[in-house]
């Protein structure tokens, strides 16, 4: 296995910078082991069976990108510098890890002012290139301040083309977001709207909610030729006892478990790693799924189209086979599908679903 196995060429015009409207009007490429079907996301109920269960990630994205000023006294008076901060993860004592640009302009103890009454103290640089900051607000007061001053932390390939705006507050958040903590959206879930959820329910498809707070590390490139040497970022997740019981019941009754998005898949596979069955779980996970991985929880996957040479491209290749995914992506590119976070979706139905159902006596 080599990093180049997961590469492909994508025309810039197929990188989506805005979602389609309504959400469920996005295109859907349904990929089985030997057949491809071009559809629309609103057609999803036609490709699922009564008794199937979709696993949805209900994390909520923080408007975590902030712009502030650093003030510093100089021999000639005072100097200011514009500082961009993307909050990543809270730490004990009110600290946060953050991406800071330009980090070189800061020295320990300096203050970054984002708005009246809202600021951060720069504490230290971390070995991984992030920074430690202490915010002057926490809890509900911090949420209010972020809602008032922060921007949605759009992926780098969108942010390089346009700044986040008010529309992204709605577009980059799922309709079932509940638990605040992500700095990136579970993007496959962005395609769901109320009419689609109702149609799925009428079809007899059930839902379970889990939480994985997606971190900015999801966009980190793989920098080693041997992907197995790549170190995954850790993200906090939770599978409740209710969700674990629902998944177990669906399995007993012969339904399929279909995560919506790679985040939900990674979480339930983490929760099933020790016993082969999805158990309640609440902890960070750094699970890395690449070809050769033995899936124990997921029967299929709904997901967007991913970056070349990314860990997510490796994950879908593990599910479907590397050669099969290259064929799926070649079809999507040739047919003009839109890629990445605001792009179109795929429904991946691997052949192993049948053999795994047989293993469980179904």
Protein backbone atom coordinates (compact mmCIF):
# COMPACT_ATOMS: atom_id res chain seq x y z
CA UNK A 1 0.00 0.00 0.00
CA UNK A 2 1.35 3.40 -1.06
CA UNK A 3 -0.03 6.91 -0.69
CA UNK A 4 -0.28 7.25 -4.48
CA UNK A 5 -2.85 4.43 -4.48
CA UNK A 6 -5.38 6.97 -3.17
CA UNK A 7 -4.62 9.79 -5.60
CA UNK A 8 -6.79 11.14 -8.41
CA UNK A 9 -7.04 14.28 -10.55
CA UNK A 10 -10.02 16.55 -9.93
CA UNK A 11 -10.90 19.62 -12.02
CA UNK A 12 -11.10 22.76 -9.87
CA UNK A 13 -14.57 23.45 -11.25
CA UNK A 14 -15.89 20.38 -9.40
CA UNK A 15 -14.86 21.66 -5.95
CA UNK A 16 -18.09 22.97 -4.44
CA UNK A 17 -17.92 26.26 -2.56
CA UNK A 18 -21.68 26.47 -1.88
CA UNK A 19 -24.23 23.70 -1.31
CA UNK A 20 -27.20 23.15 -3.57
CA UNK A 21 -30.66 24.10 -2.36
CA UNK A 22 -32.69 22.45 -1.02
CA UNK A 23 -30.25 20.23 0.83
CA UNK A 24 -31.73 16.98 -0.48
CA UNK A 25 -31.44 18.16 -4.11
CA UNK A 26 -27.75 17.22 -4.18
CA UNK A 27 -26.77 14.34 -6.44
CA UNK A 28 -26.30 10.83 -5.03
CA UNK A 29 -24.06 8.20 -6.61
CA UNK A 30 -25.16 4.77 -5.42
CA UNK A 31 -22.23 2.36 -5.67
CA UNK A 32 -22.63 -1.36 -5.24
CA UNK A 33 -19.87 -3.92 -5.83
CA UNK A 34 -20.61 -4.08 -9.57
CA UNK A 35 -23.15 -1.37 -10.37
CA UNK A 36 -23.32 2.44 -10.31
CA UNK A 37 -26.58 4.39 -10.24
CA UNK A 38 -26.89 8.15 -10.63
CA UNK A 39 -29.62 9.51 -8.37
CA UNK A 40 -30.58 12.45 -6.13
CA UNK A 41 -30.28 12.51 -2.34
CA UNK A 42 -34.06 12.79 -2.00
CA UNK A 43 -34.18 9.34 -3.69
CA UNK A 44 -32.32 7.79 -0.74
CA UNK A 45 -35.42 5.97 0.62
CA UNK A 46 -35.61 4.02 -2.66
CA UNK A 47 -32.19 2.47 -1.97
CA UNK A 48 -32.84 1.53 1.65
CA UNK A 49 -35.00 -1.18 3.15
CA UNK A 50 -37.57 -1.10 5.94
CA UNK A 51 -35.68 -2.04 9.08
CA UNK A 52 -32.41 -0.35 8.05
CA UNK A 53 -30.91 2.07 10.58
CA UNK A 54 -29.07 5.28 9.73
CA UNK A 55 -26.51 6.43 12.32
CA UNK A 56 -26.38 10.24 12.47
CA UNK A 57 -23.69 12.41 14.03
CA UNK A 58 -25.47 15.16 16.01
CA UNK A 59 -22.41 17.28 16.78
CA UNK A 60 -22.84 21.04 16.40
CA UNK A 61 -20.19 23.23 14.77
CA UNK A 62 -18.81 26.14 16.75
CA UNK A 63 -18.35 29.46 14.89
CA UNK A 64 -14.76 29.01 16.01
CA UNK A 65 -12.83 31.21 13.54
CA UNK A 66 -12.03 34.53 15.15
CA UNK A 67 -10.21 37.66 13.98
CA UNK A 68 -8.55 39.91 16.52
CA UNK A 69 -5.81 42.43 17.14
CA UNK A 70 -2.64 42.07 19.14
CA UNK A 71 -1.49 45.31 20.74
CA UNK A 72 2.15 45.72 21.73
CA UNK A 73 4.04 48.68 23.17
CA UNK A 74 7.08 49.67 21.05
CA UNK A 75 9.83 52.32 21.49
CA UNK A 76 7.97 54.49 18.99
CA UNK A 77 4.55 54.10 20.60
CA UNK A 78 2.40 51.04 20.03
CA UNK A 79 2.01 48.45 17.30
CA UNK A 80 -0.86 46.23 16.29
CA UNK A 81 -1.09 43.06 14.27
CA UNK A 82 -4.12 41.30 12.89
CA UNK A 83 -4.36 37.74 14.25
CA UNK A 84 -6.58 34.90 13.02
CA UNK A 85 -7.53 32.23 15.57
CA UNK A 86 -9.39 28.97 15.03
CA UNK A 87 -10.33 27.34 18.31
CA UNK A 88 -9.76 23.58 18.29
CA UNK A 89 -10.33 21.94 21.66
CA UNK A 90 -10.89 23.08 25.26
CA UNK A 91 -8.28 22.19 27.86
CA UNK A 92 -8.37 22.26 31.67
CA UNK A 93 -8.24 25.67 33.35
CA UNK A 94 -9.94 27.65 30.60
CA UNK A 95 -7.24 27.02 28.00
CA UNK A 96 -7.88 26.08 24.37
CA UNK A 97 -5.69 24.63 21.71
CA UNK A 98 -5.95 26.76 18.59
CA UNK A 99 -4.57 27.41 15.15
CA UNK A 100 -3.10 30.91 15.11
CA UNK A 101 -1.98 32.90 12.06
CA UNK A 102 0.62 34.35 12.12
CA UNK A 103 1.88 32.51 15.18
CA UNK A 104 5.35 34.08 14.89
CA UNK A 105 3.94 37.52 15.73
CA UNK A 106 3.04 36.49 19.29
CA UNK A 107 5.08 36.22 22.47
CA UNK A 108 3.96 34.64 25.72
CA UNK A 109 1.46 36.62 27.74
CA UNK A 110 0.26 38.86 24.92
CA UNK A 111 -3.45 39.56 24.57
CA UNK A 112 -5.53 39.15 21.42
CA UNK A 113 -8.70 41.25 21.47
CA UNK A 114 -11.60 39.94 19.41
CA UNK A 115 -14.34 42.31 20.62
CA UNK A 116 -15.22 44.44 23.62
CA UNK A 117 -15.09 42.09 26.59
CA UNK A 118 -13.82 39.13 24.58
CA UNK A 119 -10.12 38.33 24.37
CA UNK A 120 -7.51 35.61 24.68
CA UNK A 121 -4.05 35.43 26.25
CA UNK A 122 -1.36 33.65 24.24
CA UNK A 123 0.31 31.14 26.56
CA UNK A 124 2.59 28.91 24.50
CA UNK A 125 3.40 27.24 21.21
CA UNK A 126 2.86 23.48 20.98
CA UNK A 127 5.13 21.03 19.23
CA UNK A 128 2.49 20.26 16.58
CA UNK A 129 2.30 23.90 15.43
CA UNK A 130 -0.83 24.80 17.38
CA UNK A 131 -1.02 27.30 20.24
CA UNK A 132 -2.34 27.33 23.79
CA UNK A 133 -4.65 30.24 24.57
CA UNK A 134 -6.56 31.23 27.69
CA UNK A 135 -9.93 32.80 26.89
CA UNK A 136 -11.45 35.33 29.24
CA UNK A 137 -14.91 33.78 28.80
CA UNK A 138 -16.31 30.30 29.26
CA UNK A 139 -19.61 28.41 29.23
CA UNK A 140 -22.69 30.26 28.03
CA UNK A 141 -20.86 33.60 27.93
CA UNK A 142 -18.31 32.14 25.50
CA UNK A 143 -21.05 30.68 23.32
CA UNK A 144 -22.75 34.10 23.14
CA UNK A 145 -19.46 35.77 22.22
CA UNK A 146 -18.68 33.20 19.52
CA UNK A 147 -22.17 33.54 18.07
CA UNK A 148 -21.70 37.31 17.93
CA UNK A 149 -18.12 37.51 16.60
CA UNK A 150 -17.03 34.15 15.22
CA UNK A 151 -17.22 32.75 11.71
CA UNK A 152 -17.83 29.19 10.61
CA UNK A 153 -14.47 27.39 10.22
CA UNK A 154 -14.87 26.43 6.57
CA UNK A 155 -12.45 23.85 5.16
CA UNK A 156 -9.21 25.26 3.73
CA UNK A 157 -10.17 24.50 0.12
CA UNK A 158 -13.29 26.68 0.52
CA UNK A 159 -11.74 29.36 2.72
CA UNK A 160 -9.02 29.86 0.08
CA UNK A 161 -11.71 30.77 -2.45
CA UNK A 162 -14.05 32.91 -0.35
CA UNK A 163 -14.56 34.02 3.26
CA UNK A 164 -17.24 32.49 5.47
CA UNK A 165 -20.41 34.57 5.61
CA UNK A 166 -23.80 34.62 7.31
CA UNK A 167 -25.21 31.98 4.95
CA UNK A 168 -22.62 29.48 6.16
CA UNK A 169 -24.12 29.69 9.66
CA UNK A 170 -27.04 27.69 8.26
CA UNK A 171 -25.37 25.80 5.43
CA UNK A 172 -22.47 24.39 7.48
CA UNK A 173 -24.71 23.00 10.23
CA UNK A 174 -26.88 19.89 10.13
CA UNK A 175 -30.62 20.13 10.82
CA UNK A 176 -30.21 17.71 13.75
CA UNK A 177 -27.15 19.35 15.37
CA UNK A 178 -27.46 19.15 19.19
CA UNK A 179 -24.15 19.01 21.03
CA UNK A 180 -21.71 21.87 20.50
CA UNK A 181 -18.06 21.00 20.09
CA UNK A 182 -17.05 20.45 16.45
CA UNK A 183 -14.85 22.73 14.37
CA UNK A 184 -15.80 20.96 11.15
CA UNK A 185 -19.18 19.68 10.01
CA UNK A 186 -20.11 16.01 9.48
CA UNK A 187 -20.68 16.92 5.87
CA UNK A 188 -22.65 13.90 4.59
CA UNK A 189 -25.35 14.89 7.09
CA UNK A 190 -25.67 18.35 5.51
CA UNK A 191 -27.82 16.76 2.78
CA UNK A 192 -30.65 15.91 5.18
CA UNK A 193 -33.69 18.14 5.56
CA UNK A 194 -37.10 17.67 7.18
CA UNK A 195 -38.85 16.24 4.07
CA UNK A 196 -36.09 13.65 3.54
CA UNK A 197 -36.12 12.59 7.20
CA UNK A 198 -39.91 12.20 7.01
CA UNK A 199 -39.68 10.15 3.81
CA UNK A 200 -37.09 7.85 5.35
CA UNK A 201 -39.23 7.35 8.42
CA UNK A 202 -42.24 6.55 6.22
CA UNK A 203 -40.07 3.97 4.43
CA UNK A 204 -39.45 2.24 7.77
CA UNK A 205 -35.86 3.42 8.19
CA UNK A 206 -34.84 4.09 11.81
CA UNK A 207 -32.33 6.64 13.16
CA UNK A 208 -29.77 6.56 15.95
CA UNK A 209 -27.85 9.63 17.09
CA UNK A 210 -24.22 9.53 18.15
CA UNK A 211 -21.79 12.39 18.75
CA UNK A 212 -18.29 12.83 17.37
CA UNK A 213 -16.85 16.33 17.67
CA UNK A 214 -15.04 16.70 14.37
CA UNK A 215 -11.66 18.42 14.73
CA UNK A 216 -9.58 20.47 12.30
CA UNK A 217 -7.25 17.48 12.10
CA UNK A 218 -9.72 15.96 9.66
CA UNK A 219 -8.13 18.21 7.01
CA UNK A 220 -4.50 17.38 7.86
CA UNK A 221 -2.66 15.85 4.89
CA UNK A 222 -0.93 12.50 5.00
CA UNK A 223 2.79 13.29 4.68
CA UNK A 224 4.28 9.78 4.58
CA UNK A 225 4.46 7.48 1.57
CA UNK A 226 3.49 4.52 3.75
CA UNK A 227 -0.01 5.44 5.02
CA UNK A 228 0.22 2.98 7.91
CA UNK A 229 2.81 5.28 9.50
CA UNK A 230 0.40 8.23 9.59
CA UNK A 231 -0.72 9.31 13.06
CA UNK A 232 -4.41 10.13 13.28
CA UNK A 233 -5.76 13.09 15.24
CA UNK A 234 -7.95 12.20 18.23
CA UNK A 235 -11.56 13.37 18.41
CA UNK A 236 -13.98 13.02 21.31
CA UNK A 237 -17.04 10.92 20.71
CA UNK A 238 -19.95 9.28 22.48
CA UNK A 239 -22.21 6.34 21.71
CA UNK A 240 -24.97 6.35 24.30
CA UNK A 241 -26.44 3.20 25.82
CA UNK A 242 -29.66 4.00 23.95
CA UNK A 243 -27.87 4.18 20.60
CA UNK A 244 -25.93 0.97 21.31
CA UNK A 245 -29.16 -0.86 22.18
CA UNK A 246 -30.89 0.43 19.04
CA UNK A 247 -28.02 -0.74 16.84
CA UNK A 248 -28.01 -4.17 18.53
CA UNK A 249 -31.77 -4.52 18.03
CA UNK A 250 -31.52 -3.65 14.34
CA UNK A 251 -28.75 -6.22 13.96
CA UNK A 252 -30.87 -8.90 15.64
CA UNK A 253 -33.80 -8.11 13.37
CA UNK A 254 -31.73 -8.31 10.19
CA UNK A 255 -31.56 -4.61 9.35
CA UNK A 256 -28.48 -2.88 8.02
CA UNK A 257 -26.42 -0.37 10.01
CA UNK A 258 -25.56 2.54 7.73
CA UNK A 259 -23.56 5.43 9.19
CA UNK A 260 -24.10 8.82 7.58
CA UNK A 261 -20.58 10.14 7.22
CA UNK A 262 -17.13 8.85 8.01
CA UNK A 263 -17.29 10.40 11.49
CA UNK A 264 -20.26 8.26 12.52
CA UNK A 265 -18.61 5.19 10.96
CA UNK A 266 -15.30 5.75 12.77
CA UNK A 267 -17.12 6.17 16.07
CA UNK A 268 -19.25 3.03 15.92
CA UNK A 269 -16.29 0.99 14.70
CA UNK A 270 -14.35 2.29 17.72
CA UNK A 271 -17.21 1.28 20.01
CA UNK A 272 -17.24 -2.22 18.48
CA UNK A 273 -13.48 -2.75 18.45
CA UNK A 274 -13.17 -4.73 21.69
CA UNK A 275 -16.14 -7.09 21.44
CA UNK A 276 -17.34 -6.99 17.85
CA UNK A 277 -20.59 -5.36 18.98
CA UNK A 278 -21.29 -1.66 19.39
CA UNK A 279 -21.04 -0.85 23.10
CA UNK A 280 -21.64 2.45 24.93
CA UNK A 281 -18.58 4.64 24.50
CA UNK A 282 -17.48 8.11 25.66
CA UNK A 283 -13.82 8.97 25.05
CA UNK A 284 -11.45 10.25 22.36
CA UNK A 285 -10.87 8.02 19.35
CA UNK A 286 -7.96 8.05 16.91
CA UNK A 287 -9.05 4.99 14.94
CA UNK A 288 -7.44 4.84 11.49
CA UNK A 289 -9.30 2.81 8.89
CA UNK A 290 -7.44 1.79 5.74
CA UNK A 291 -7.53 -1.22 3.40
CA UNK A 292 -7.30 -4.45 5.36
CA UNK A 293 -9.52 -3.16 8.18
CA UNK A 294 -12.20 -5.61 9.34
CA UNK A 295 -15.50 -3.80 9.73
CA UNK A 296 -17.60 -4.98 12.67
CA UNK A 297 -20.33 -2.35 12.94
CA UNK A 298 -21.10 -0.76 9.56
CA UNK A 299 -22.82 -2.52 6.67
CA UNK A 300 -22.69 0.43 4.27
CA UNK A 301 -21.90 4.15 4.27
CA UNK A 302 -23.34 7.41 3.00
CA UNK A 303 -20.58 9.94 2.51
CA UNK A 304 -19.40 12.85 0.36
CA UNK A 305 -16.50 12.70 -2.11
CA UNK A 306 -13.14 13.11 -0.40
CA UNK A 307 -9.77 14.71 -0.95
CA UNK A 308 -7.13 12.73 -2.85
CA UNK A 309 -4.48 11.02 -0.71
CA UNK A 310 -6.60 11.63 2.41
CA UNK A 311 -7.35 9.31 5.31
CA UNK A 312 -11.01 9.46 4.30
CA UNK A 313 -10.18 8.22 0.81
CA UNK A 314 -8.39 5.35 2.53
CA UNK A 315 -11.45 4.66 4.68
CA UNK A 316 -13.85 4.35 1.74
CA UNK A 317 -11.26 2.21 -0.06
CA UNK A 318 -11.18 -0.09 2.96
CA UNK A 319 -14.94 -0.46 2.73
CA UNK A 320 -15.28 -0.96 -1.03
CA UNK A 321 -11.81 -1.91 -2.26
CA UNK A 322 -9.20 0.47 -3.66
CA UNK A 323 -9.77 -0.41 -7.32
CA UNK A 324 -13.54 -0.12 -6.90
CA UNK A 325 -13.27 3.33 -5.33
CA UNK A 326 -11.00 4.53 -8.14
CA UNK A 327 -13.73 3.44 -10.58
CA UNK A 328 -16.43 5.15 -8.49
CA UNK A 329 -14.47 8.41 -8.40
CA UNK A 330 -13.65 8.25 -12.11
CA UNK A 331 -17.39 7.94 -12.81
CA UNK A 332 -18.18 10.85 -10.47
CA UNK A 333 -15.60 13.10 -12.12
CA UNK A 334 -16.72 12.18 -15.63
CA UNK A 335 -20.38 12.85 -14.72
CA UNK A 336 -19.65 16.22 -13.13
CA UNK A 337 -20.39 15.42 -9.49
CA UNK A 338 -19.45 18.16 -7.02
CA UNK A 339 -16.76 17.26 -4.50
CA UNK A 340 -15.85 17.79 -0.84
CA UNK A 341 -17.75 19.36 2.06
CA UNK A 342 -20.43 21.27 0.13
CA UNK A 343 -20.52 18.72 -2.68
CA UNK A 344 -22.63 15.74 -3.67
CA UNK A 345 -22.98 12.41 -1.88
CA UNK A 346 -22.41 8.73 -2.43
CA UNK A 347 -24.08 5.65 -0.96
CA UNK A 348 -21.52 2.84 -0.72
CA UNK A 349 -22.95 -0.68 -0.56
CA UNK A 350 -20.12 -3.19 -0.23
CA UNK A 351 -20.39 -6.86 -1.14
CA UNK A 352 -19.20 -7.84 2.34
CA UNK A 353 -22.60 -6.81 3.72
CA UNK A 354 -24.06 -10.17 2.68
CA UNK A 355 -21.23 -12.24 4.16
CA UNK A 356 -21.29 -10.35 7.45
CA UNK A 357 -25.05 -10.81 7.77
CA UNK A 358 -24.46 -14.54 7.25
CA UNK A 359 -21.79 -14.51 9.99
CA UNK A 360 -24.47 -13.20 12.37
CA UNK A 361 -26.96 -15.86 11.33
CA UNK A 362 -29.23 -13.39 9.57
